PDB file of all heavy atoms in Angstrom:
ATOM      1  N   GLY A   1      -7.618   7.868   3.322  1.00  0.00           N
ATOM      2  CA  GLY A   1      -7.408   8.988   2.391  1.00  0.00           C
ATOM      3  C   GLY A   1      -7.366   8.423   1.046  1.00  0.00           C
ATOM      4  O   GLY A   1      -7.654   7.357   0.703  1.00  0.00           O
ATOM      5  N   SER A   2      -6.787   9.240   0.086  1.00  0.00           N
ATOM      6  CA  SER A   2      -6.559   8.786  -1.237  1.00  0.00           C
ATOM      7  C   SER A   2      -5.165   9.251  -1.724  1.00  0.00           C
ATOM      8  O   SER A   2      -4.475  10.082  -1.079  1.00  0.00           O
ATOM      9  CB  SER A   2      -7.633   9.502  -2.165  1.00  0.00           C
ATOM     10  OG  SER A   2      -7.548  10.842  -2.193  1.00  0.00           O
ATOM     11  N   PHE A   3      -4.676   8.545  -2.771  1.00  0.00           N
ATOM     12  CA  PHE A   3      -3.269   8.798  -3.154  1.00  0.00           C
ATOM     13  C   PHE A   3      -3.302   8.762  -4.739  1.00  0.00           C
ATOM     14  O   PHE A   3      -3.715   7.691  -5.232  1.00  0.00           O
ATOM     15  CB  PHE A   3      -2.396   7.709  -2.585  1.00  0.00           C
ATOM     16  CG  PHE A   3      -0.955   8.155  -2.665  1.00  0.00           C
ATOM     17  CD1 PHE A   3      -0.366   8.942  -1.729  1.00  0.00           C
ATOM     18  CD2 PHE A   3      -0.157   7.750  -3.768  1.00  0.00           C
ATOM     19  CE1 PHE A   3       0.922   9.238  -1.769  1.00  0.00           C
ATOM     20  CE2 PHE A   3       1.146   8.024  -3.790  1.00  0.00           C
ATOM     21  CZ  PHE A   3       1.687   8.784  -2.791  1.00  0.00           C
ATOM     22  N   PRO A   4      -2.916   9.724  -5.277  1.00  0.00           N
ATOM     23  CA  PRO A   4      -2.971   9.758  -6.788  1.00  0.00           C
ATOM     24  C   PRO A   4      -1.867   8.978  -7.553  1.00  0.00           C
ATOM     25  O   PRO A   4      -0.962   9.535  -8.009  1.00  0.00           O
ATOM     26  CB  PRO A   4      -2.907  11.299  -7.145  1.00  0.00           C
ATOM     27  CG  PRO A   4      -2.021  11.784  -6.105  1.00  0.00           C
ATOM     28  CD  PRO A   4      -2.454  11.009  -4.843  1.00  0.00           C
ATOM     29  N   LEU A   5      -1.942   7.645  -7.633  1.00  0.00           N
ATOM     30  CA  LEU A   5      -0.994   6.855  -8.254  1.00  0.00           C
ATOM     31  C   LEU A   5      -1.760   5.676  -8.930  1.00  0.00           C
ATOM     32  O   LEU A   5      -2.612   5.051  -8.472  1.00  0.00           O
ATOM     33  CB  LEU A   5      -0.056   6.299  -7.282  1.00  0.00           C
ATOM     34  CG  LEU A   5       1.067   5.414  -7.682  1.00  0.00           C
ATOM     35  CD1 LEU A   5       2.006   6.167  -8.506  1.00  0.00           C
ATOM     36  CD2 LEU A   5       1.790   4.783  -6.476  1.00  0.00           C
ATOM     37  N   ILE A   6      -1.221   5.363 -10.198  1.00  0.00           N
ATOM     38  CA  ILE A   6      -1.849   4.222 -10.961  1.00  0.00           C
ATOM     39  C   ILE A   6      -1.009   3.016 -10.703  1.00  0.00           C
ATOM     40  O   ILE A   6       0.209   3.014 -10.890  1.00  0.00           O
ATOM     41  CB  ILE A   6      -1.922   4.623 -12.491  1.00  0.00           C
ATOM     42  CG1 ILE A   6      -2.835   5.984 -12.497  1.00  0.00           C
ATOM     43  CG2 ILE A   6      -2.503   3.566 -13.299  1.00  0.00           C
ATOM     44  CD1 ILE A   6      -4.324   5.756 -12.118  1.00  0.00           C
ATOM     45  N   ARG A   7      -1.670   1.810 -10.396  1.00  0.00           N
ATOM     46  CA  ARG A   7      -0.964   0.647 -10.378  1.00  0.00           C
ATOM     47  C   ARG A   7      -1.727  -0.393 -11.301  1.00  0.00           C
ATOM     48  O   ARG A   7      -2.953  -0.176 -11.491  1.00  0.00           O
ATOM     49  CB  ARG A   7      -1.218   0.015  -8.892  1.00  0.00           C
ATOM     50  CG  ARG A   7      -0.405   0.835  -7.889  1.00  0.00           C
ATOM     51  CD  ARG A   7       1.113   0.523  -8.032  1.00  0.00           C
ATOM     52  NE  ARG A   7       1.864   1.449  -7.157  1.00  0.00           N
ATOM     53  CZ  ARG A   7       2.738   0.940  -6.272  1.00  0.00           C
ATOM     54  NH1 ARG A   7       2.955  -0.338  -6.225  1.00  0.00           N
ATOM     55  NH2 ARG A   7       3.432   1.763  -5.514  1.00  0.00           N
ATOM     56  N   THR A   8      -1.000  -1.332 -11.815  1.00  0.00           N
ATOM     57  CA  THR A   8      -1.628  -2.350 -12.709  1.00  0.00           C
ATOM     58  C   THR A   8      -1.332  -3.673 -12.350  1.00  0.00           C
ATOM     59  O   THR A   8      -0.288  -3.951 -11.633  1.00  0.00           O
ATOM     60  CB  THR A   8      -1.123  -2.126 -14.220  1.00  0.00           C
ATOM     61  OG1 THR A   8       0.195  -2.220 -14.214  1.00  0.00           O
ATOM     62  CG2 THR A   8      -1.472  -0.688 -14.676  1.00  0.00           C
ATOM     63  N   LEU A   9      -2.148  -4.626 -12.812  1.00  0.00           N
ATOM     64  CA  LEU A   9      -1.831  -6.055 -12.578  1.00  0.00           C
ATOM     65  C   LEU A   9      -1.689  -6.756 -13.932  1.00  0.00           C
ATOM     66  O   LEU A   9      -2.625  -6.611 -14.756  1.00  0.00           O
ATOM     67  CB  LEU A   9      -3.089  -6.663 -11.860  1.00  0.00           C
ATOM     68  CG  LEU A   9      -2.974  -8.084 -11.350  1.00  0.00           C
ATOM     69  CD1 LEU A   9      -1.800  -8.331 -10.370  1.00  0.00           C
ATOM     70  CD2 LEU A   9      -4.346  -8.568 -10.769  1.00  0.00           C
ATOM     71  N   ALA A  10      -0.615  -7.511 -14.028  1.00  0.00           N
ATOM     72  CA  ALA A  10      -0.315  -7.946 -15.399  1.00  0.00           C
ATOM     73  C   ALA A  10      -1.378  -8.891 -15.969  1.00  0.00           C
ATOM     74  O   ALA A  10      -1.458  -9.031 -17.132  1.00  0.00           O
ATOM     75  CB  ALA A  10       1.126  -8.655 -15.288  1.00  0.00           C
ATOM     76  N   THR A  11      -2.067  -9.743 -15.101  1.00  0.00           N
ATOM     77  CA  THR A  11      -3.106 -10.583 -15.549  1.00  0.00           C
ATOM     78  C   THR A  11      -4.278  -9.923 -16.259  1.00  0.00           C
ATOM     79  O   THR A  11      -5.116 -10.563 -16.720  1.00  0.00           O
ATOM     80  CB  THR A  11      -3.444 -11.485 -14.369  1.00  0.00           C
ATOM     81  OG1 THR A  11      -4.096 -10.700 -13.497  1.00  0.00           O
ATOM     82  CG2 THR A  11      -2.255 -12.321 -13.881  1.00  0.00           C
ATOM     83  N   GLY A  12      -4.351  -8.580 -16.150  1.00  0.00           N
ATOM     84  CA  GLY A  12      -5.584  -7.876 -16.650  1.00  0.00           C
ATOM     85  C   GLY A  12      -6.649  -7.813 -15.651  1.00  0.00           C
ATOM     86  O   GLY A  12      -7.702  -7.136 -15.953  1.00  0.00           O
ATOM     87  N   ARG A  13      -6.451  -8.416 -14.456  1.00  0.00           N
ATOM     88  CA  ARG A  13      -7.571  -8.160 -13.407  1.00  0.00           C
ATOM     89  C   ARG A  13      -7.202  -6.909 -12.599  1.00  0.00           C
ATOM     90  O   ARG A  13      -6.117  -6.536 -12.442  1.00  0.00           O
ATOM     91  CB  ARG A  13      -7.378  -9.261 -12.453  1.00  0.00           C
ATOM     92  CG  ARG A  13      -7.911 -10.594 -13.098  1.00  0.00           C
ATOM     93  CD  ARG A  13      -7.920 -11.697 -12.028  1.00  0.00           C
ATOM     94  NE  ARG A  13      -6.677 -11.948 -11.335  1.00  0.00           N
ATOM     95  CZ  ARG A  13      -6.458 -11.904 -10.010  1.00  0.00           C
ATOM     96  NH1 ARG A  13      -7.575 -11.857  -9.263  1.00  0.00           N
ATOM     97  NH2 ARG A  13      -5.328 -12.133  -9.521  1.00  0.00           N
ATOM     98  N   PRO A  14      -8.254  -6.133 -12.166  1.00  0.00           N
ATOM     99  CA  PRO A  14      -7.988  -4.947 -11.290  1.00  0.00           C
ATOM    100  C   PRO A  14      -7.413  -5.498  -9.883  1.00  0.00           C
ATOM    101  O   PRO A  14      -7.777  -6.498  -9.517  1.00  0.00           O
ATOM    102  CB  PRO A  14      -9.316  -4.316 -11.228  1.00  0.00           C
ATOM    103  CG  PRO A  14     -10.279  -5.385 -11.388  1.00  0.00           C
ATOM    104  CD  PRO A  14      -9.735  -6.337 -12.475  1.00  0.00           C
ATOM    105  N   LYS A  15      -6.646  -4.700  -9.388  1.00  0.00           N
ATOM    106  CA  LYS A  15      -6.157  -4.904  -8.030  1.00  0.00           C
ATOM    107  C   LYS A  15      -6.291  -3.577  -7.300  1.00  0.00           C
ATOM    108  O   LYS A  15      -6.099  -2.491  -7.779  1.00  0.00           O
ATOM    109  CB  LYS A  15      -4.838  -5.563  -7.967  1.00  0.00           C
ATOM    110  CG  LYS A  15      -3.720  -4.478  -8.293  1.00  0.00           C
ATOM    111  CD  LYS A  15      -2.303  -5.195  -8.126  1.00  0.00           C
ATOM    112  CE  LYS A  15      -1.176  -4.217  -8.374  1.00  0.00           C
ATOM    113  NZ  LYS A  15       0.117  -4.727  -8.122  1.00  0.00           N
ATOM    114  N   THR A  16      -6.511  -3.749  -6.026  1.00  0.00           N
ATOM    115  CA  THR A  16      -6.334  -2.524  -5.081  1.00  0.00           C
ATOM    116  C   THR A  16      -5.271  -2.756  -4.231  1.00  0.00           C
ATOM    117  O   THR A  16      -5.048  -3.758  -3.476  1.00  0.00           O
ATOM    118  CB  THR A  16      -7.723  -2.464  -4.262  1.00  0.00           C
ATOM    119  OG1 THR A  16      -8.761  -2.241  -5.142  1.00  0.00           O
ATOM    120  CG2 THR A  16      -7.539  -1.285  -3.219  1.00  0.00           C
ATOM    121  N   VAL A  17      -4.418  -1.821  -4.237  1.00  0.00           N
ATOM    122  CA  VAL A  17      -3.177  -1.743  -3.339  1.00  0.00           C
ATOM    123  C   VAL A  17      -3.390  -0.752  -2.277  1.00  0.00           C
ATOM    124  O   VAL A  17      -3.867   0.282  -2.468  1.00  0.00           O
ATOM    125  CB  VAL A  17      -1.897  -1.340  -4.245  1.00  0.00           C
ATOM    126  CG1 VAL A  17      -0.747  -1.211  -3.209  1.00  0.00           C
ATOM    127  CG2 VAL A  17      -1.663  -2.271  -5.375  1.00  0.00           C
ATOM    128  N   LEU A  18      -3.172  -1.434  -1.093  1.00  0.00           N
ATOM    129  CA  LEU A  18      -3.358  -0.541   0.170  1.00  0.00           C
ATOM    130  C   LEU A  18      -1.979  -0.066   0.662  1.00  0.00           C
ATOM    131  O   LEU A  18      -1.036  -0.936   0.715  1.00  0.00           O
ATOM    132  CB  LEU A  18      -3.975  -1.278   1.172  1.00  0.00           C
ATOM    133  CG  LEU A  18      -5.539  -1.755   0.926  1.00  0.00           C
ATOM    134  CD1 LEU A  18      -5.939  -2.552   2.068  1.00  0.00           C
ATOM    135  CD2 LEU A  18      -6.364  -0.586   0.669  1.00  0.00           C
ATOM    136  N   ARG A  19      -1.829   1.241   0.822  1.00  0.00           N
ATOM    137  CA  ARG A  19      -0.484   1.665   1.361  1.00  0.00           C
ATOM    138  C   ARG A  19      -0.679   2.019   2.827  1.00  0.00           C
ATOM    139  O   ARG A  19      -1.445   2.734   3.362  1.00  0.00           O
ATOM    140  CB  ARG A  19      -0.100   2.960   0.647  1.00  0.00           C
ATOM    141  CG  ARG A  19       1.202   3.554   1.172  1.00  0.00           C
ATOM    142  CD  ARG A  19       1.851   4.523   0.302  1.00  0.00           C
ATOM    143  NE  ARG A  19       2.410   3.745  -0.878  1.00  0.00           N
ATOM    144  CZ  ARG A  19       2.748   4.228  -2.088  1.00  0.00           C
ATOM    145  NH1 ARG A  19       2.612   5.646  -2.219  1.00  0.00           N
ATOM    146  NH2 ARG A  19       3.151   3.548  -3.078  1.00  0.00           N
ATOM    147  N   PHE A  20       0.268   1.326   3.640  1.00  0.00           N
ATOM    148  CA  PHE A  20       0.383   1.474   5.028  1.00  0.00           C
ATOM    149  C   PHE A  20       1.547   2.404   5.400  1.00  0.00           C
ATOM    150  O   PHE A  20       2.613   2.194   4.826  1.00  0.00           O
ATOM    151  CB  PHE A  20       0.559   0.182   5.667  1.00  0.00           C
ATOM    152  CG  PHE A  20      -0.581  -0.686   5.650  1.00  0.00           C
ATOM    153  CD1 PHE A  20      -1.032  -1.378   4.515  1.00  0.00           C
ATOM    154  CD2 PHE A  20      -1.346  -1.088   6.799  1.00  0.00           C
ATOM    155  CE1 PHE A  20      -2.115  -2.191   4.435  1.00  0.00           C
ATOM    156  CE2 PHE A  20      -2.478  -1.933   6.794  1.00  0.00           C
ATOM    157  CZ  PHE A  20      -2.655  -2.553   5.518  1.00  0.00           C
ATOM    158  N   LYS A  21       1.334   3.358   6.194  1.00  0.00           N
ATOM    159  CA  LYS A  21       2.512   4.225   6.790  1.00  0.00           C
ATOM    160  C   LYS A  21       2.381   4.283   8.227  1.00  0.00           C
ATOM    161  O   LYS A  21       1.200   4.401   8.847  1.00  0.00           O
ATOM    162  CB  LYS A  21       2.436   5.600   6.276  1.00  0.00           C
ATOM    163  CG  LYS A  21       2.639   5.751   4.754  1.00  0.00           C
ATOM    164  CD  LYS A  21       2.734   7.240   4.213  1.00  0.00           C
ATOM    165  CE  LYS A  21       3.149   7.181   2.696  1.00  0.00           C
ATOM    166  NZ  LYS A  21       3.392   8.601   2.318  1.00  0.00           N
ATOM    167  N   PHE A  22       3.476   4.273   8.873  1.00  0.00           N
ATOM    168  CA  PHE A  22       3.285   4.179  10.399  1.00  0.00           C
ATOM    169  C   PHE A  22       4.572   4.853  10.947  1.00  0.00           C
ATOM    170  O   PHE A  22       5.743   4.895  10.410  1.00  0.00           O
ATOM    171  CB  PHE A  22       3.201   2.857  10.891  1.00  0.00           C
ATOM    172  CG  PHE A  22       4.351   1.759  10.599  1.00  0.00           C
ATOM    173  CD1 PHE A  22       5.503   1.553  11.471  1.00  0.00           C
ATOM    174  CD2 PHE A  22       4.295   1.081   9.428  1.00  0.00           C
ATOM    175  CE1 PHE A  22       6.425   0.720  11.038  1.00  0.00           C
ATOM    176  CE2 PHE A  22       5.261   0.294   9.016  1.00  0.00           C
ATOM    177  CZ  PHE A  22       6.308   0.028   9.803  1.00  0.00           C
ATOM    178  N   THR A  23       4.491   5.372  12.208  1.00  0.00           N
ATOM    179  CA  THR A  23       5.543   5.747  13.030  1.00  0.00           C
ATOM    180  C   THR A  23       5.455   5.041  14.415  1.00  0.00           C
ATOM    181  O   THR A  23       4.329   4.682  14.809  1.00  0.00           O
ATOM    182  CB  THR A  23       5.546   7.263  13.278  1.00  0.00           C
ATOM    183  OG1 THR A  23       4.352   7.682  13.879  1.00  0.00           O
ATOM    184  CG2 THR A  23       5.793   8.120  12.023  1.00  0.00           C
ATOM    185  N   LEU A  24       6.517   4.868  15.052  1.00  0.00           N
ATOM    186  CA  LEU A  24       6.621   3.992  16.201  1.00  0.00           C
ATOM    187  C   LEU A  24       6.976   4.840  17.485  1.00  0.00           C
ATOM    188  O   LEU A  24       7.591   5.927  17.367  1.00  0.00           O
ATOM    189  CB  LEU A  24       7.674   2.820  16.096  1.00  0.00           C
ATOM    190  CG  LEU A  24       7.430   1.889  14.839  1.00  0.00           C
ATOM    191  CD1 LEU A  24       8.702   0.990  14.793  1.00  0.00           C
ATOM    192  CD2 LEU A  24       6.161   1.148  14.972  1.00  0.00           C
ATOM    193  N   LYS A  25       6.414   4.384  18.586  1.00  0.00           N
ATOM    194  CA  LYS A  25       6.818   5.018  19.833  1.00  0.00           C
ATOM    195  C   LYS A  25       8.378   4.936  20.134  1.00  0.00           C
ATOM    196  O   LYS A  25       8.918   3.769  19.877  1.00  0.00           O
ATOM    197  CB  LYS A  25       6.066   4.489  21.035  1.00  0.00           C
ATOM    198  CG  LYS A  25       4.513   4.684  21.007  1.00  0.00           C
ATOM    199  CD  LYS A  25       3.797   4.175  22.101  1.00  0.00           C
ATOM    200  CE  LYS A  25       2.356   4.382  22.054  1.00  0.00           C
ATOM    201  NZ  LYS A  25       1.611   3.807  23.155  1.00  0.00           N
ATOM    202  N   GLY A  26       8.940   5.930  20.439  1.00  0.00           N
ATOM    203  CA  GLY A  26      10.357   5.859  20.760  1.00  0.00           C
ATOM    204  C   GLY A  26      11.122   6.089  19.466  1.00  0.00           C
ATOM    205  O   GLY A  26      12.401   5.964  19.494  1.00  0.00           O
ATOM    206  N   GLY A  27      10.644   6.399  18.284  1.00  0.00           N
ATOM    207  CA  GLY A  27      11.286   6.560  17.064  1.00  0.00           C
ATOM    208  C   GLY A  27      11.119   5.374  16.116  1.00  0.00           C
ATOM    209  O   GLY A  27      10.784   4.274  16.546  1.00  0.00           O
ATOM    210  N   GLY A  28      11.428   5.657  14.886  1.00  0.00           N
ATOM    211  CA  GLY A  28      11.207   4.603  13.782  1.00  0.00           C
ATOM    212  C   GLY A  28      10.059   4.867  13.038  1.00  0.00           C
ATOM    213  O   GLY A  28       8.992   5.459  13.537  1.00  0.00           O
ATOM    214  N   LYS A  29      10.115   4.553  11.760  1.00  0.00           N
ATOM    215  CA  LYS A  29       9.048   4.675  10.881  1.00  0.00           C
ATOM    216  C   LYS A  29       9.059   3.764   9.738  1.00  0.00           C
ATOM    217  O   LYS A  29      10.180   3.190   9.445  1.00  0.00           O
ATOM    218  CB  LYS A  29       8.863   6.139  10.363  1.00  0.00           C
ATOM    219  CG  LYS A  29      10.097   6.599   9.533  1.00  0.00           C
ATOM    220  CD  LYS A  29       9.849   7.989   9.103  1.00  0.00           C
ATOM    221  CE  LYS A  29      11.133   8.391   8.207  1.00  0.00           C
ATOM    222  NZ  LYS A  29      10.971   9.772   7.760  1.00  0.00           N
ATOM    223  N   GLY A  30       7.972   3.583   9.055  1.00  0.00           N
ATOM    224  CA  GLY A  30       7.956   2.542   7.947  1.00  0.00           C
ATOM    225  C   GLY A  30       6.743   2.779   7.130  1.00  0.00           C
ATOM    226  O   GLY A  30       5.789   3.460   7.365  1.00  0.00           O
ATOM    227  N   SER A  31       6.747   2.009   6.016  1.00  0.00           N
ATOM    228  CA  SER A  31       5.690   2.070   5.052  1.00  0.00           C
ATOM    229  C   SER A  31       5.764   0.724   4.183  1.00  0.00           C
ATOM    230  O   SER A  31       6.772   0.156   3.978  1.00  0.00           O
ATOM    231  CB  SER A  31       5.716   3.228   4.107  1.00  0.00           C
ATOM    232  OG  SER A  31       6.887   3.261   3.376  1.00  0.00           O
TER     233      SER A  31
END
């Protein structure tokens, strides 16, 4: 999907940040 957030890299190079979200069997979640 997409997510409307701007991220920057101090060196001036573009970077792509991937966001992971997950839920677990039996409970628990993270990102």
